[in-house]
């Protein structure tokens, strides 16, 4: 049996760092927005629609400290870990609640600490296609093969 997950997405809010009461171990929780492309009968020109899944993630110890220190809302990260389900009893309603989350073994920062200040999502309808093609051409010109 195998329980592995790899996700690449953007944080929906700043990570929340906590310290466990009994062992004083740092733990950070954050939510990743991960794009999920899909096609529907209403699409035109064969274009794909995009939807997003919001995945709860947690990391422990030094990894938790690094995530809380270097990553903020909107930053892109890649996580690798395992899916875990846990439950608890809600004290206000006395109902059992279930949480499914990714316990991260690895979190890779895909942007530098200050790089997201000018983040602009890609717009498929923008007139910057010529600029985009020029950047790709410049990169291809630098390749050694």
Protein backbone atom coordinates (compact mmCIF):
# COMPACT_ATOMS: atom_id res chain seq x y z
CA UNK A 1 0.00 0.00 0.00
CA UNK A 2 1.14 3.50 -0.73
CA UNK A 3 0.10 6.82 0.75
CA UNK A 4 2.07 9.59 -1.04
CA UNK A 5 0.95 12.93 -2.37
CA UNK A 6 2.76 15.67 -4.28
CA UNK A 7 1.10 19.07 -4.71
CA UNK A 8 2.11 22.42 -6.20
CA UNK A 9 0.01 25.41 -5.30
CA UNK A 10 -0.25 28.81 -3.68
CA UNK A 11 -0.90 29.55 -0.01
CA UNK A 12 -4.36 31.01 0.58
CA UNK A 13 -3.28 32.82 3.76
CA UNK A 14 -0.20 33.23 5.93
CA UNK A 15 0.92 30.02 7.67
CA UNK A 16 -0.04 29.60 11.33
CA UNK A 17 2.79 28.45 13.61
CA UNK A 18 1.95 26.84 16.94
CA UNK A 19 3.96 25.05 19.61
CA UNK A 20 2.61 21.80 21.10
CA UNK A 21 1.81 22.02 24.81
CA UNK A 22 3.39 18.81 26.03
CA UNK A 23 6.60 18.53 23.94
CA UNK A 24 7.18 22.13 22.76
CA UNK A 25 7.38 20.97 19.13
CA UNK A 26 6.67 23.57 16.43
CA UNK A 27 3.87 22.76 13.97
CA UNK A 28 2.63 24.94 11.13
CA UNK A 29 -0.66 24.68 9.27
CA UNK A 30 -1.46 26.23 5.92
CA UNK A 31 -3.87 25.82 3.03
CA UNK A 32 -2.78 25.31 -0.57
CA UNK A 33 -4.91 26.32 -3.54
CA UNK A 34 -4.18 23.77 -6.27
CA UNK A 35 -5.53 24.26 -9.81
CA UNK A 36 -7.61 21.49 -11.32
CA UNK A 37 -8.25 21.91 -15.07
CA UNK A 38 -11.43 20.45 -16.51
CA UNK A 39 -13.41 20.51 -19.71
CA UNK A 40 -17.15 20.98 -19.90
CA UNK A 41 -19.77 20.94 -22.62
CA UNK A 42 -19.99 24.75 -22.42
CA UNK A 43 -16.34 25.42 -23.31
CA UNK A 44 -15.57 27.13 -26.59
CA UNK A 45 -12.58 26.50 -28.85
CA UNK A 46 -11.59 23.49 -26.77
CA UNK A 47 -10.32 25.70 -23.96
CA UNK A 48 -10.05 24.29 -20.49
CA UNK A 49 -11.72 25.74 -17.45
CA UNK A 50 -9.92 25.88 -14.15
CA UNK A 51 -11.18 25.09 -10.73
CA UNK A 52 -9.21 24.99 -7.50
CA UNK A 53 -9.01 22.55 -4.63
CA UNK A 54 -8.08 23.89 -1.20
CA UNK A 55 -5.88 21.39 0.62
CA UNK A 56 -5.06 21.62 4.33
CA UNK A 57 -1.36 20.93 5.05
CA UNK A 58 0.76 20.65 8.20
CA UNK A 59 4.50 20.49 8.75
CA UNK A 60 6.48 19.79 11.92
CA UNK A 61 9.70 20.83 13.67
CA UNK A 62 12.36 22.74 11.69
CA UNK A 63 10.30 22.50 8.52
CA UNK A 64 7.44 24.26 10.35
CA UNK A 65 9.74 27.06 11.47
CA UNK A 66 11.09 27.54 7.93
CA UNK A 67 7.61 27.63 6.37
CA UNK A 68 6.37 30.24 8.85
CA UNK A 69 9.52 32.32 8.38
CA UNK A 70 9.90 32.32 4.59
CA UNK A 71 6.44 31.77 3.07
CA UNK A 72 3.42 34.08 3.04
CA UNK A 73 0.00 34.25 1.43
CA UNK A 74 0.19 33.84 -2.36
CA UNK A 75 3.61 32.19 -2.45
CA UNK A 76 3.95 29.06 -4.55
CA UNK A 77 5.25 25.92 -2.87
CA UNK A 78 5.55 22.24 -3.65
CA UNK A 79 4.74 19.77 -0.89
CA UNK A 80 5.36 16.06 -0.61
CA UNK A 81 3.87 13.97 2.12
CA UNK A 82 1.05 11.67 3.11
CA UNK A 83 -2.69 12.06 3.56
CA UNK A 84 -3.94 11.75 7.12
CA UNK A 85 -7.46 11.79 8.52
CA UNK A 86 -8.15 12.62 12.14
CA UNK A 87 -11.25 13.38 14.15
CA UNK A 88 -12.28 15.31 17.23
CA UNK A 89 -15.44 16.20 19.12
CA UNK A 90 -16.63 19.78 18.64
CA UNK A 91 -17.16 21.11 22.18
CA UNK A 92 -19.85 23.61 21.11
CA UNK A 93 -22.10 21.20 19.18
CA UNK A 94 -20.87 17.92 20.67
CA UNK A 95 -20.58 16.51 17.11
CA UNK A 96 -17.67 14.48 15.79
CA UNK A 97 -15.67 16.36 13.13
CA UNK A 98 -13.27 14.84 10.61
CA UNK A 99 -10.23 16.53 9.09
CA UNK A 100 -8.27 15.29 6.08
CA UNK A 101 -4.88 16.93 5.61
CA UNK A 102 -1.46 16.42 4.06
CA UNK A 103 1.33 15.81 6.57
CA UNK A 104 4.33 17.30 4.77
CA UNK A 105 7.63 15.47 4.69
CA UNK A 106 9.05 18.12 2.35
CA UNK A 107 8.09 21.69 1.49
CA UNK A 108 9.95 23.32 -1.40
CA UNK A 109 9.75 27.09 -1.79
CA UNK A 110 9.24 27.86 -5.48
CA UNK A 111 9.57 31.63 -5.11
CA UNK A 112 12.01 33.80 -3.22
CA UNK A 113 10.81 35.51 -0.04
CA UNK A 114 9.97 38.88 -1.64
CA UNK A 115 9.14 37.76 -5.16
CA UNK A 116 5.38 37.60 -4.72
CA UNK A 117 4.90 41.30 -3.99
CA UNK A 118 4.28 41.89 -7.69
CA UNK A 119 2.45 38.63 -8.43
CA UNK A 120 0.09 38.93 -11.39
CA UNK A 121 -1.90 35.89 -12.46
CA UNK A 122 -1.53 34.83 -16.09
CA UNK A 123 -4.31 36.15 -18.28
CA UNK A 124 -5.08 34.02 -21.33
CA UNK A 125 -6.67 37.01 -23.08
CA UNK A 126 -3.79 39.42 -22.55
CA UNK A 127 -2.03 41.11 -25.44
CA UNK A 128 1.38 40.16 -24.03
CA UNK A 129 1.65 37.02 -26.18
CA UNK A 130 4.42 38.68 -28.23
CA UNK A 131 6.35 39.47 -25.03
CA UNK A 132 5.81 35.92 -23.78
CA UNK A 133 7.07 34.48 -27.10
CA UNK A 134 10.12 36.75 -26.95
CA UNK A 135 10.99 35.51 -23.44
CA UNK A 136 10.68 31.90 -24.60
CA UNK A 137 12.82 32.66 -27.66
CA UNK A 138 15.48 34.34 -25.47
CA UNK A 139 15.58 31.30 -23.19
CA UNK A 140 15.82 28.92 -26.15
CA UNK A 141 18.70 30.98 -27.60
CA UNK A 142 20.67 30.44 -24.37
CA UNK A 143 20.30 26.66 -24.38
CA UNK A 144 23.54 24.81 -25.21
CA UNK A 145 21.90 22.16 -27.40
